[in-house]
Amino acid sequence: MAYWEGAEINEISLFPGIHEDLGFYFAYVKHSEGTSWLTEAAPYISDILLILITSALLFWKRSIIFFDAIILLGLISPLIDLIYNYQGGLWRSGTDVSDMLELLPKTLVHCAFIVSIVSVILLLRLFRTRRLKTTGS
């Protein structure tokens, strides 16, 4: 998103690690200034899109060979990312979430994260229950 908004990309990390300025991270992109809230929200929009695609797949296909892996990568991983970054943005400055809380109405940001997190938890419960019924366990 930063690239599309005309920012210069200075550094990219796609794997989790520890950064001297950022602390623990799942992934990050360092870029020049001049971007909007869309750049700050892009990782979470990606999480939500992944959750929606995964949910659609699991709703339409009753029997899936790699069910556990799909749940892990498509629901649990984005859930952990949402929770970790949301709570971090509440007490640390300079994070995507803290920037969004400054740029957007606070109620909108809090509601978006809380609704997303609760929705994924409910989806996990739904798919677990459905899986138990299908397997007869």
C-alpha atoms as a PDB file:
ATOM      1  CA  MET A   1       0.000   0.000   0.000  1.00  0.00           C
ATOM      2  CA  ALA A   2       2.865   2.377   0.832  1.00  0.00           C
ATOM      3  CA  TYR A   3       4.303   1.769  -2.634  1.00  0.00           C
ATOM      4  CA  TRP A   4       0.936   2.512  -4.261  1.00  0.00           C
ATOM      5  CA  GLU A   5       0.709   5.721  -2.269  1.00  0.00           C
ATOM      6  CA  GLY A   6       4.066   6.842  -3.663  1.00  0.00           C
ATOM      7  CA  ALA A   7       6.275   6.158  -0.648  1.00  0.00           C
ATOM      8  CA  GLU A   8       9.834   4.971  -1.005  1.00  0.00           C
ATOM      9  CA  ILE A   9      10.257   1.480   0.467  1.00  0.00           C
ATOM     10  CA  ASN A  10      13.400   1.431   2.632  1.00  0.00           C
ATOM     11  CA  GLU A  11      13.254  -2.017   4.248  1.00  0.00           C
ATOM     12  CA  ILE A  12      11.008  -5.100   4.179  1.00  0.00           C
ATOM     13  CA  SER A  13      10.884  -8.119   6.451  1.00  0.00           C
ATOM     14  CA  LEU A  14       8.359 -10.848   5.756  1.00  0.00           C
ATOM     15  CA  PHE A  15       9.349 -13.127   8.634  1.00  0.00           C
ATOM     16  CA  PRO A  16       8.935 -12.716  12.406  1.00  0.00           C
ATOM     17  CA  GLY A  17      11.866 -11.473  14.410  1.00  0.00           C
ATOM     18  CA  ILE A  18      13.120  -8.858  16.838  1.00  0.00           C
ATOM     19  CA  HIS A  19      14.075  -5.391  15.651  1.00  0.00           C
ATOM     20  CA  GLU A  20      16.041  -2.937  17.804  1.00  0.00           C
ATOM     21  CA  ASP A  21      13.498  -0.131  17.197  1.00  0.00           C
ATOM     22  CA  LEU A  22      10.304  -2.166  16.839  1.00  0.00           C
ATOM     23  CA  GLY A  23      10.791  -4.998  19.301  1.00  0.00           C
ATOM     24  CA  PHE A  24       9.069  -8.254  18.306  1.00  0.00           C
ATOM     25  CA  TYR A  25       7.327  -8.148  14.933  1.00  0.00           C
ATOM     26  CA  PHE A  26       5.552 -10.563  12.622  1.00  0.00           C
ATOM     27  CA  ALA A  27       6.639  -8.611   9.538  1.00  0.00           C
ATOM     28  CA  TYR A  28       7.221  -4.964   8.690  1.00  0.00           C
ATOM     29  CA  VAL A  29       7.805  -2.453   5.940  1.00  0.00           C
ATOM     30  CA  LYS A  30       9.808   0.709   6.587  1.00  0.00           C
ATOM     31  CA  HIS A  31       8.910   3.466   4.172  1.00  0.00           C
ATOM     32  CA  SER A  32       9.193   7.205   3.651  1.00  0.00           C
ATOM     33  CA  GLU A  33       6.580   9.617   4.959  1.00  0.00           C
ATOM     34  CA  GLY A  34       3.579  10.866   3.047  1.00  0.00           C
ATOM     35  CA  THR A  35       1.204   7.925   3.265  1.00  0.00           C
ATOM     36  CA  SER A  36      -2.377   7.842   4.494  1.00  0.00           C
ATOM     37  CA  TRP A  37      -4.164   5.689   7.045  1.00  0.00           C
ATOM     38  CA  LEU A  38      -4.591   3.055   4.306  1.00  0.00           C
ATOM     39  CA  THR A  39      -0.905   2.150   4.605  1.00  0.00           C
ATOM     40  CA  GLU A  40      -1.282   1.771   8.373  1.00  0.00           C
ATOM     41  CA  ALA A  41      -4.413  -0.368   7.945  1.00  0.00           C
ATOM     42  CA  ALA A  42      -3.131  -2.528   5.061  1.00  0.00           C
ATOM     43  CA  PRO A  43      -1.803  -5.413   7.213  1.00  0.00           C
ATOM     44  CA  TYR A  44      -5.123  -5.694   9.029  1.00  0.00           C
ATOM     45  CA  ILE A  45      -7.156  -5.420   5.841  1.00  0.00           C
ATOM     46  CA  SER A  46      -5.012  -8.307   4.555  1.00  0.00           C
ATOM     47  CA  ASP A  47      -5.750 -10.268   7.739  1.00  0.00           C
ATOM     48  CA  ILE A  48      -9.482  -9.699   7.290  1.00  0.00           C
ATOM     49  CA  LEU A  49      -9.350 -10.708   3.608  1.00  0.00           C
ATOM     50  CA  LEU A  50      -7.478 -13.903   4.533  1.00  0.00           C
ATOM     51  CA  ILE A  51     -10.088 -14.653   7.209  1.00  0.00           C
ATOM     52  CA  LEU A  52     -12.933 -14.096   4.720  1.00  0.00           C
ATOM     53  CA  ILE A  53     -11.349 -16.292   2.036  1.00  0.00           C
ATOM     54  CA  THR A  54     -10.607 -19.044   4.552  1.00  0.00           C
ATOM     55  CA  SER A  55     -14.129 -18.890   5.974  1.00  0.00           C
ATOM     56  CA  ALA A  56     -15.668 -19.065   2.505  1.00  0.00           C
ATOM     57  CA  LEU A  57     -13.531 -22.097   1.672  1.00  0.00           C
ATOM     58  CA  LEU A  58     -14.472 -23.846   4.918  1.00  0.00           C
ATOM     59  CA  PHE A  59     -18.180 -23.025   4.528  1.00  0.00           C
ATOM     60  CA  TRP A  60     -18.424 -24.330   0.962  1.00  0.00           C
ATOM     61  CA  LYS A  61     -16.208 -27.392   1.290  1.00  0.00           C
ATOM     62  CA  ARG A  62     -17.384 -29.772   3.999  1.00  0.00           C
ATOM     63  CA  SER A  63     -14.490 -32.201   3.694  1.00  0.00           C
ATOM     64  CA  ILE A  64     -11.061 -30.645   3.403  1.00  0.00           C
ATOM     65  CA  ILE A  65      -7.870 -32.675   3.475  1.00  0.00           C
ATOM     66  CA  PHE A  66      -5.704 -30.006   5.118  1.00  0.00           C
ATOM     67  CA  PHE A  67      -8.388 -28.673   7.479  1.00  0.00           C
ATOM     68  CA  ASP A  68      -6.043 -28.113  10.446  1.00  0.00           C
ATOM     69  CA  ALA A  69      -3.404 -26.339   8.346  1.00  0.00           C
ATOM     70  CA  ILE A  70      -6.048 -24.127   6.742  1.00  0.00           C
ATOM     71  CA  ILE A  71      -7.446 -23.227  10.171  1.00  0.00           C
ATOM     72  CA  LEU A  72      -3.948 -22.456  11.448  1.00  0.00           C
ATOM     73  CA  LEU A  73      -2.847 -20.311   8.511  1.00  0.00           C
ATOM     74  CA  GLY A  74      -6.193 -18.766   7.601  1.00  0.00           C
ATOM     75  CA  LEU A  75      -7.784 -18.065  10.992  1.00  0.00           C
ATOM     76  CA  ILE A  76      -5.423 -18.569  13.933  1.00  0.00           C
ATOM     77  CA  SER A  77      -2.443 -16.752  12.403  1.00  0.00           C
ATOM     78  CA  PRO A  78      -4.438 -13.606  11.488  1.00  0.00           C
ATOM     79  CA  LEU A  79      -6.159 -13.756  14.887  1.00  0.00           C
ATOM     80  CA  ILE A  80      -2.807 -13.725  16.699  1.00  0.00           C
ATOM     81  CA  ASP A  81      -1.614 -10.879  14.460  1.00  0.00           C
ATOM     82  CA  LEU A  82      -4.762  -8.822  15.162  1.00  0.00           C
ATOM     83  CA  ILE A  83      -4.603  -9.383  18.928  1.00  0.00           C
ATOM     84  CA  TYR A  84      -0.858  -8.760  19.240  1.00  0.00           C
ATOM     85  CA  ASN A  85      -0.849  -5.571  17.190  1.00  0.00           C
ATOM     86  CA  TYR A  86      -4.082  -4.207  18.676  1.00  0.00           C
ATOM     87  CA  GLN A  87      -2.918  -4.547  22.266  1.00  0.00           C
ATOM     88  CA  GLY A  88       0.534  -3.217  21.353  1.00  0.00           C
ATOM     89  CA  GLY A  89      -0.980  -0.163  19.701  1.00  0.00           C
ATOM     90  CA  LEU A  90      -2.836   0.684  22.894  1.00  0.00           C
ATOM     91  CA  TRP A  91       0.333   1.219  24.945  1.00  0.00           C
ATOM     92  CA  ARG A  92       3.156   1.760  22.421  1.00  0.00           C
ATOM     93  CA  SER A  93       3.562   4.730  20.123  1.00  0.00           C
ATOM     94  CA  GLY A  94       4.809   4.491  16.548  1.00  0.00           C
ATOM     95  CA  THR A  95       2.877   1.317  15.712  1.00  0.00           C
ATOM     96  CA  ASP A  96       0.339   0.956  12.913  1.00  0.00           C
ATOM     97  CA  VAL A  97      -2.477   0.771  15.446  1.00  0.00           C
ATOM     98  CA  SER A  98      -1.347   3.803  17.460  1.00  0.00           C
ATOM     99  CA  ASP A  99      -1.043   5.755  14.194  1.00  0.00           C
ATOM    100  CA  MET A 100      -4.556   4.686  13.138  1.00  0.00           C
ATOM    101  CA  LEU A 101      -5.888   5.769  16.546  1.00  0.00           C
ATOM    102  CA  GLU A 102      -4.433   9.223  15.847  1.00  0.00           C
ATOM    103  CA  LEU A 103      -5.574   9.446  12.208  1.00  0.00           C
ATOM    104  CA  LEU A 104      -9.055   7.901  12.439  1.00  0.00           C
ATOM    105  CA  PRO A 105     -11.917   8.112  14.931  1.00  0.00           C
ATOM    106  CA  LYS A 106     -10.862   6.008  17.926  1.00  0.00           C
ATOM    107  CA  THR A 107     -14.262   4.308  18.154  1.00  0.00           C
ATOM    108  CA  LEU A 108     -13.959   3.126  14.547  1.00  0.00           C
ATOM    109  CA  VAL A 109     -10.512   1.612  15.133  1.00  0.00           C
ATOM    110  CA  HIS A 110     -11.487  -0.087  18.402  1.00  0.00           C
ATOM    111  CA  CYS A 111     -14.726  -1.458  16.911  1.00  0.00           C
ATOM    112  CA  ALA A 112     -12.939  -2.766  13.817  1.00  0.00           C
ATOM    113  CA  PHE A 113     -10.387  -4.680  15.870  1.00  0.00           C
ATOM    114  CA  ILE A 114     -12.827  -5.966  18.482  1.00  0.00           C
ATOM    115  CA  VAL A 115     -15.404  -7.090  15.907  1.00  0.00           C
ATOM    116  CA  SER A 116     -12.674  -8.791  13.847  1.00  0.00           C
ATOM    117  CA  ILE A 117     -11.177 -10.588  16.843  1.00  0.00           C
ATOM    118  CA  VAL A 118     -14.534 -11.741  18.231  1.00  0.00           C
ATOM    119  CA  SER A 119     -15.671 -12.841  14.756  1.00  0.00           C
ATOM    120  CA  VAL A 120     -12.612 -15.045  14.262  1.00  0.00           C
ATOM    121  CA  ILE A 121     -13.078 -16.620  17.688  1.00  0.00           C
ATOM    122  CA  LEU A 122     -16.719 -17.398  16.821  1.00  0.00           C
ATOM    123  CA  LEU A 123     -15.684 -18.778  13.418  1.00  0.00           C
ATOM    124  CA  LEU A 124     -13.112 -21.039  15.074  1.00  0.00           C
ATOM    125  CA  ARG A 125     -15.778 -22.357  17.412  1.00  0.00           C
ATOM    126  CA  LEU A 126     -18.211 -22.879  14.516  1.00  0.00           C
ATOM    127  CA  PHE A 127     -15.693 -24.765  12.371  1.00  0.00           C
ATOM    128  CA  ARG A 128     -14.538 -26.875  15.318  1.00  0.00           C
ATOM    129  CA  THR A 129     -18.128 -27.859  16.119  1.00  0.00           C
ATOM    130  CA  ARG A 130     -18.825 -28.571  12.449  1.00  0.00           C
ATOM    131  CA  ARG A 131     -15.631 -30.637  12.180  1.00  0.00           C
ATOM    132  CA  LEU A 132     -16.590 -32.707  15.237  1.00  0.00           C
ATOM    133  CA  LYS A 133     -20.030 -33.410  13.746  1.00  0.00           C
ATOM    134  CA  THR A 134     -18.549 -34.438  10.388  1.00  0.00           C
ATOM    135  CA  THR A 135     -15.927 -36.747  11.850  1.00  0.00           C
ATOM    136  CA  GLY A 136     -18.266 -38.142  14.486  1.00  0.00           C
ATOM    137  CA  SER A 137     -15.819 -37.472  17.324  1.00  0.00           C
END
